[in-house]
PDB file of N, CA and C in Angstrom:
ATOM      1  N   UNK A   1     -17.728   9.066  16.463  1.00  0.00           N
ATOM      2  CA  UNK A   1     -17.036   8.055  15.603  1.00  0.00           C
ATOM      3  C   UNK A   1     -15.833   7.603  16.814  1.00  0.00           C
ATOM      4  N   UNK A   2     -15.736   6.369  17.074  1.00  0.00           N
ATOM      5  CA  UNK A   2     -14.641   6.080  18.028  1.00  0.00           C
ATOM      6  C   UNK A   2     -13.148   6.066  17.246  1.00  0.00           C
ATOM      7  N   UNK A   3     -12.123   6.281  18.297  1.00  0.00           N
ATOM      8  CA  UNK A   3     -10.533   6.256  17.894  1.00  0.00           C
ATOM      9  C   UNK A   3     -10.218   5.118  16.840  1.00  0.00           C
ATOM     10  N   UNK A   4     -10.942   4.048  17.177  1.00  0.00           N
ATOM     11  CA  UNK A   4     -11.077   3.125  15.816  1.00  0.00           C
ATOM     12  C   UNK A   4     -11.989   2.827  14.925  1.00  0.00           C
ATOM     13  N   UNK A   5     -12.612   3.541  14.652  1.00  0.00           N
ATOM     14  CA  UNK A   5     -13.018   4.196  13.411  1.00  0.00           C
ATOM     15  C   UNK A   5     -12.388   4.992  12.345  1.00  0.00           C
ATOM     16  N   UNK A   6     -11.799   6.222  13.699  1.00  0.00           N
ATOM     17  CA  UNK A   6     -10.968   6.966  12.772  1.00  0.00           C
ATOM     18  C   UNK A   6      -9.635   6.890  11.674  1.00  0.00           C
ATOM     19  N   UNK A   7      -9.170   5.708  12.787  1.00  0.00           N
ATOM     20  CA  UNK A   7      -7.985   5.130  12.497  1.00  0.00           C
ATOM     21  C   UNK A   7      -7.936   4.718  10.776  1.00  0.00           C
ATOM     22  N   UNK A   8      -8.691   3.855  10.764  1.00  0.00           N
ATOM     23  CA  UNK A   8      -9.855   2.854  10.498  1.00  0.00           C
ATOM     24  C   UNK A   8     -10.145   4.005   9.098  1.00  0.00           C
ATOM     25  N   UNK A   9     -10.853   4.741   8.807  1.00  0.00           N
ATOM     26  CA  UNK A   9     -10.761   5.547   7.834  1.00  0.00           C
ATOM     27  C   UNK A   9      -9.863   6.662   7.082  1.00  0.00           C
ATOM     28  N   UNK A  10      -8.904   6.649   7.888  1.00  0.00           N
ATOM     29  CA  UNK A  10      -7.869   7.607   7.688  1.00  0.00           C
ATOM     30  C   UNK A  10      -6.774   6.384   7.140  1.00  0.00           C
ATOM     31  N   UNK A  11      -6.637   5.681   7.547  1.00  0.00           N
ATOM     32  CA  UNK A  11      -6.138   4.395   6.593  1.00  0.00           C
ATOM     33  C   UNK A  11      -6.286   4.100   5.408  1.00  0.00           C
ATOM     34  N   UNK A  12      -7.793   4.288   5.029  1.00  0.00           N
ATOM     35  CA  UNK A  12      -9.018   3.864   3.387  1.00  0.00           C
ATOM     36  C   UNK A  12      -8.473   5.690   3.121  1.00  0.00           C
ATOM     37  N   UNK A  13      -8.328   6.387   3.259  1.00  0.00           N
ATOM     38  CA  UNK A  13      -7.540   7.956   2.544  1.00  0.00           C
ATOM     39  C   UNK A  13      -6.561   7.686   2.352  1.00  0.00           C
ATOM     40  N   UNK A  14      -5.344   6.798   2.984  1.00  0.00           N
ATOM     41  CA  UNK A  14      -4.105   7.222   2.845  1.00  0.00           C
ATOM     42  C   UNK A  14      -3.537   6.211   1.389  1.00  0.00           C
ATOM     43  N   UNK A  15      -4.728   5.564   1.594  1.00  0.00           N
ATOM     44  CA  UNK A  15      -4.575   4.284   0.417  1.00  0.00           C
ATOM     45  C   UNK A  15      -4.082   2.970   0.773  1.00  0.00           C
ATOM     46  N   UNK A  16      -3.474   2.727   1.961  1.00  0.00           N
ATOM     47  CA  UNK A  16      -3.322   1.337   2.966  1.00  0.00           C
ATOM     48  C   UNK A  16      -1.722   1.436   2.623  1.00  0.00           C
ATOM     49  N   UNK A  17      -1.106   2.800   2.276  1.00  0.00           N
ATOM     50  CA  UNK A  17       0.966   2.546   2.210  1.00  0.00           C
ATOM     51  C   UNK A  17       1.005   3.716   3.627  1.00  0.00           C
ATOM     52  N   UNK A  18       2.047   2.857   4.194  1.00  0.00           N
ATOM     53  CA  UNK A  18       3.176   3.729   4.589  1.00  0.00           C
ATOM     54  C   UNK A  18       2.650   4.832   4.335  1.00  0.00           C
ATOM     55  N   UNK A  19       2.669   5.973   5.961  1.00  0.00           N
ATOM     56  CA  UNK A  19       3.238   7.444   5.332  1.00  0.00           C
ATOM     57  C   UNK A  19       4.490   7.604   5.086  1.00  0.00           C
ATOM     58  N   UNK A  20       4.668   8.679   5.084  1.00  0.00           N
ATOM     59  CA  UNK A  20       6.070   9.437   4.367  1.00  0.00           C
ATOM     60  C   UNK A  20       7.397   9.034   5.584  1.00  0.00           C
ATOM     61  N   UNK A  21       6.834   9.152   6.864  1.00  0.00           N
ATOM     62  CA  UNK A  21       8.096   8.938   8.031  1.00  0.00           C
ATOM     63  C   UNK A  21       8.381   7.588   8.165  1.00  0.00           C
ATOM     64  N   UNK A  22       6.759   7.107   8.034  1.00  0.00           N
ATOM     65  CA  UNK A  22       7.176   5.189   7.928  1.00  0.00           C
ATOM     66  C   UNK A  22       8.112   4.279   6.795  1.00  0.00           C
ATOM     67  N   UNK A  23       7.474   5.164   5.526  1.00  0.00           N
ATOM     68  CA  UNK A  23       8.825   5.062   4.509  1.00  0.00           C
ATOM     69  C   UNK A  23      10.302   5.285   4.683  1.00  0.00           C
ATOM     70  N   UNK A  24      10.271   6.009   5.554  1.00  0.00           N
ATOM     71  CA  UNK A  24      11.673   6.418   5.525  1.00  0.00           C
ATOM     72  C   UNK A  24      12.703   5.467   6.297  1.00  0.00           C
ATOM     73  N   UNK A  25      11.915   5.216   7.789  1.00  0.00           N
ATOM     74  CA  UNK A  25      12.293   4.043   8.448  1.00  0.00           C
ATOM     75  C   UNK A  25      12.938   3.096   7.697  1.00  0.00           C
ATOM     76  N   UNK A  26      11.360   2.644   7.276  1.00  0.00           N
ATOM     77  CA  UNK A  26      11.619   1.224   6.375  1.00  0.00           C
ATOM     78  C   UNK A  26      13.107   0.880   5.103  1.00  0.00           C
ATOM     79  N   UNK A  27      13.366   2.544   4.612  1.00  0.00           N
ATOM     80  CA  UNK A  27      14.518   2.635   3.763  1.00  0.00           C
ATOM     81  C   UNK A  27      15.254   2.072   4.662  1.00  0.00           C
ATOM     82  N   UNK A  28      15.707   3.132   5.265  1.00  0.00           N
ATOM     83  CA  UNK A  28      17.047   3.444   6.839  1.00  0.00           C
ATOM     84  C   UNK A  28      17.332   1.783   7.207  1.00  0.00           C
ATOM     85  N   UNK A  29      15.912   1.223   7.076  1.00  0.00           N
ATOM     86  CA  UNK A  29      16.500   0.062   8.301  1.00  0.00           C
ATOM     87  C   UNK A  29      16.735  -1.142   7.780  1.00  0.00           C
ATOM     88  N   UNK A  30      16.397  -1.324   5.634  1.00  0.00           N
ATOM     89  CA  UNK A  30      17.105  -1.909   5.220  1.00  0.00           C
ATOM     90  C   UNK A  30      18.358  -1.759   4.495  1.00  0.00           C
ATOM     91  N   UNK A  31      19.085  -0.287   4.707  1.00  0.00           N
ATOM     92  CA  UNK A  31      20.374   0.108   4.708  1.00  0.00           C
ATOM     93  C   UNK A  31      21.581  -0.651   5.713  1.00  0.00           C
ATOM     94  N   UNK A  32      20.661  -0.153   6.992  1.00  0.00           N
ATOM     95  CA  UNK A  32      21.611  -0.380   7.926  1.00  0.00           C
ATOM     96  C   UNK A  32      21.537  -2.006   7.850  1.00  0.00           C
ATOM     97  N   UNK A  33      20.726  -2.971   7.777  1.00  0.00           N
ATOM     98  CA  UNK A  33      20.623  -4.618   7.656  1.00  0.00           C
ATOM     99  C   UNK A  33      22.005  -4.683   6.733  1.00  0.00           C
ATOM    100  N   UNK A  34      21.762  -4.097   5.477  1.00  0.00           N
ATOM    101  CA  UNK A  34      22.522  -4.140   4.072  1.00  0.00           C
ATOM    102  C   UNK A  34      24.026  -4.469   5.085  1.00  0.00           C
ATOM    103  N   UNK A  35      24.556  -3.163   5.633  1.00  0.00           N
ATOM    104  CA  UNK A  35      25.716  -2.468   6.469  1.00  0.00           C
ATOM    105  C   UNK A  35      25.994  -3.650   6.884  1.00  0.00           C
ATOM    106  N   UNK A  36      24.889  -3.985   8.097  1.00  0.00           N
ATOM    107  CA  UNK A  36      25.394  -5.238   9.549  1.00  0.00           C
ATOM    108  C   UNK A  36      25.807  -6.268   8.301  1.00  0.00           C
ATOM    109  N   UNK A  37      25.343  -7.130   7.394  1.00  0.00           N
ATOM    110  CA  UNK A  37      25.659  -8.307   6.834  1.00  0.00           C
ATOM    111  C   UNK A  37      26.569  -7.989   6.177  1.00  0.00           C
ATOM    112  N   UNK A  38      26.945  -7.113   5.704  1.00  0.00           N
ATOM    113  CA  UNK A  38      27.696  -7.072   4.639  1.00  0.00           C
ATOM    114  C   UNK A  38      29.225  -6.570   5.941  1.00  0.00           C
ATOM    115  N   UNK A  39      29.415  -6.020   6.743  1.00  0.00           N
ATOM    116  CA  UNK A  39      30.583  -6.567   8.050  1.00  0.00           C
ATOM    117  C   UNK A  39      30.477  -8.010   8.482  1.00  0.00           C
ATOM    118  N   UNK A  40      29.435  -9.175   8.178  1.00  0.00           N
ATOM    119  CA  UNK A  40      29.406 -10.280   9.031  1.00  0.00           C
ATOM    120  C   UNK A  40      28.850  -9.848  10.814  1.00  0.00           C
ATOM    121  N   UNK A  41      27.816  -9.211  10.737  1.00  0.00           N
ATOM    122  CA  UNK A  41      27.371  -8.662  12.166  1.00  0.00           C
ATOM    123  C   UNK A  41      26.254  -9.230  12.418  1.00  0.00           C
ATOM    124  N   UNK A  42      26.151  -9.738  14.046  1.00  0.00           N
ATOM    125  CA  UNK A  42      24.354  -9.952  14.526  1.00  0.00           C
ATOM    126  C   UNK A  42      24.545  -8.635  14.717  1.00  0.00           C
ATOM    127  N   UNK A  43      22.634  -8.563  14.513  1.00  0.00           N
ATOM    128  CA  UNK A  43      22.321  -7.302  15.299  1.00  0.00           C
ATOM    129  C   UNK A  43      22.881  -7.244  16.946  1.00  0.00           C
ATOM    130  N   UNK A  44      22.618  -8.282  17.577  1.00  0.00           N
ATOM    131  CA  UNK A  44      23.647  -7.943  18.761  1.00  0.00           C
ATOM    132  C   UNK A  44      24.425  -7.394  19.065  1.00  0.00           C
ATOM    133  N   UNK A  45      25.253  -7.742  17.757  1.00  0.00           N
ATOM    134  CA  UNK A  45      26.501  -6.890  17.614  1.00  0.00           C
ATOM    135  C   UNK A  45      26.812  -5.631  17.514  1.00  0.00           C
ATOM    136  N   UNK A  46      25.905  -5.418  16.836  1.00  0.00           N
ATOM    137  CA  UNK A  46      25.412  -3.638  16.044  1.00  0.00           C
ATOM    138  C   UNK A  46      25.083  -2.778  17.498  1.00  0.00           C
ATOM    139  N   UNK A  47      24.050  -3.644  17.943  1.00  0.00           N
ATOM    140  CA  UNK A  47      23.663  -3.089  19.258  1.00  0.00           C
ATOM    141  C   UNK A  47      24.776  -2.729  20.385  1.00  0.00           C
ATOM    142  N   UNK A  48      25.814  -3.650  20.726  1.00  0.00           N
ATOM    143  CA  UNK A  48      26.709  -3.238  21.968  1.00  0.00           C
ATOM    144  C   UNK A  48      27.315  -2.281  21.573  1.00  0.00           C
ATOM    145  N   UNK A  49      27.426  -2.104  20.080  1.00  0.00           N
ATOM    146  CA  UNK A  49      28.320  -0.904  19.550  1.00  0.00           C
ATOM    147  C   UNK A  49      27.615   0.255  19.627  1.00  0.00           C
ATOM    148  N   UNK A  50      26.736   0.561  19.358  1.00  0.00           N
ATOM    149  CA  UNK A  50      26.191   2.134  19.807  1.00  0.00           C
ATOM    150  C   UNK A  50      25.032   1.542  21.008  1.00  0.00           C
ATOM    151  N   UNK A  51      25.699   1.140  21.571  1.00  0.00           N
ATOM    152  CA  UNK A  51      24.853   0.683  23.275  1.00  0.00           C
ATOM    153  C   UNK A  51      23.016   0.776  22.989  1.00  0.00           C
ATOM    154  N   UNK A  52      23.002  -0.391  22.562  1.00  0.00           N
ATOM    155  CA  UNK A  52      21.701  -0.515  22.563  1.00  0.00           C
ATOM    156  C   UNK A  52      20.934  -2.212  22.260  1.00  0.00           C
ATOM    157  N   UNK A  53      19.917  -2.774  22.247  1.00  0.00           N
ATOM    158  CA  UNK A  53      20.020  -3.647  22.401  1.00  0.00           C
ATOM    159  C   UNK A  53      19.656  -4.875  20.987  1.00  0.00           C
ATOM    160  N   UNK A  54      20.062  -5.699  20.466  1.00  0.00           N
ATOM    161  CA  UNK A  54      19.376  -6.352  19.401  1.00  0.00           C
ATOM    162  C   UNK A  54      18.587  -6.218  18.996  1.00  0.00           C
ATOM    163  N   UNK A  55      17.415  -6.344  20.114  1.00  0.00           N
ATOM    164  CA  UNK A  55      15.970  -5.965  19.417  1.00  0.00           C
ATOM    165  C   UNK A  55      15.885  -4.834  19.142  1.00  0.00           C
ATOM    166  N   UNK A  56      16.430  -3.481  19.611  1.00  0.00           N
ATOM    167  CA  UNK A  56      16.555  -2.117  18.528  1.00  0.00           C
ATOM    168  C   UNK A  56      16.146  -2.383  17.716  1.00  0.00           C
ATOM    169  N   UNK A  57      18.105  -2.744  17.335  1.00  0.00           N
ATOM    170  CA  UNK A  57      18.194  -2.800  16.398  1.00  0.00           C
ATOM    171  C   UNK A  57      17.466  -3.707  14.722  1.00  0.00           C
ATOM    172  N   UNK A  58      16.408  -5.109  15.483  1.00  0.00           N
ATOM    173  CA  UNK A  58      15.847  -5.537  14.730  1.00  0.00           C
ATOM    174  C   UNK A  58      14.657  -4.696  14.822  1.00  0.00           C
ATOM    175  N   UNK A  59      14.652  -4.035  15.509  1.00  0.00           N
ATOM    176  CA  UNK A  59      14.032  -3.186  14.777  1.00  0.00           C
ATOM    177  C   UNK A  59      13.258  -1.829  13.913  1.00  0.00           C
ATOM    178  N   UNK A  60      14.570  -1.386  13.915  1.00  0.00           N
ATOM    179  CA  UNK A  60      14.908  -0.263  13.114  1.00  0.00           C
ATOM    180  C   UNK A  60      15.219  -0.917  11.615  1.00  0.00           C
ATOM    181  N   UNK A  61      15.626  -1.910  11.790  1.00  0.00           N
ATOM    182  CA  UNK A  61      16.150  -3.158  10.277  1.00  0.00           C
ATOM    183  C   UNK A  61      14.305  -3.333   9.616  1.00  0.00           C
ATOM    184  N   UNK A  62      13.740  -3.031  10.833  1.00  0.00           N
ATOM    185  CA  UNK A  62      11.910  -3.632  10.043  1.00  0.00           C
ATOM    186  C   UNK A  62      11.428  -2.745   9.632  1.00  0.00           C
ATOM    187  N   UNK A  63      11.801  -1.454  10.374  1.00  0.00           N
ATOM    188  CA  UNK A  63      10.524   0.018  10.420  1.00  0.00           C
ATOM    189  C   UNK A  63      10.089  -0.252  11.238  1.00  0.00           C
ATOM    190  N   UNK A  64       9.574  -0.996  11.981  1.00  0.00           N
ATOM    191  CA  UNK A  64       9.222  -1.014  13.127  1.00  0.00           C
ATOM    192  C   UNK A  64       8.814   0.612  14.108  1.00  0.00           C
ATOM    193  N   UNK A  65      10.136   0.870  13.804  1.00  0.00           N
ATOM    194  CA  UNK A  65      10.541   1.631  14.915  1.00  0.00           C
ATOM    195  C   UNK A  65      12.590   2.435  14.605  1.00  0.00           C
ATOM    196  N   UNK A  66      12.857   3.692  14.600  1.00  0.00           N
ATOM    197  CA  UNK A  66      13.989   3.966  14.555  1.00  0.00           C
ATOM    198  C   UNK A  66      14.826   4.399  15.467  1.00  0.00           C
ATOM    199  N   UNK A  67      15.847   5.257  15.244  1.00  0.00           N
ATOM    200  CA  UNK A  67      16.892   5.140  16.503  1.00  0.00           C
ATOM    201  C   UNK A  67      16.757   6.743  16.589  1.00  0.00           C
ATOM    202  N   UNK A  68      16.998   7.696  18.020  1.00  0.00           N
ATOM    203  CA  UNK A  68      16.798   8.281  18.507  1.00  0.00           C
ATOM    204  C   UNK A  68      17.616   9.316  17.709  1.00  0.00           C
ATOM    205  N   UNK A  69      17.962  10.389  17.455  1.00  0.00           N
ATOM    206  CA  UNK A  69      18.863  10.667  16.922  1.00  0.00           C
ATOM    207  C   UNK A  69      19.089  12.131  17.779  1.00  0.00           C
TER     208      UNK A  69
END
């Protein structure tokens, strides 16, 4: 079985739902976005404050990735 087939098989068994880690990243991203918007800040502004890029903040907010802690 190829690597692609293995991944597709795992997705079938997972019911197409995000993993627990992915769900946590998505929730964390929602919280980050809420606080950022409440403070009337752009992603770039938050990135400057935290020493990273606005693209990184966008990735956190979308749940694609998370900050290294």
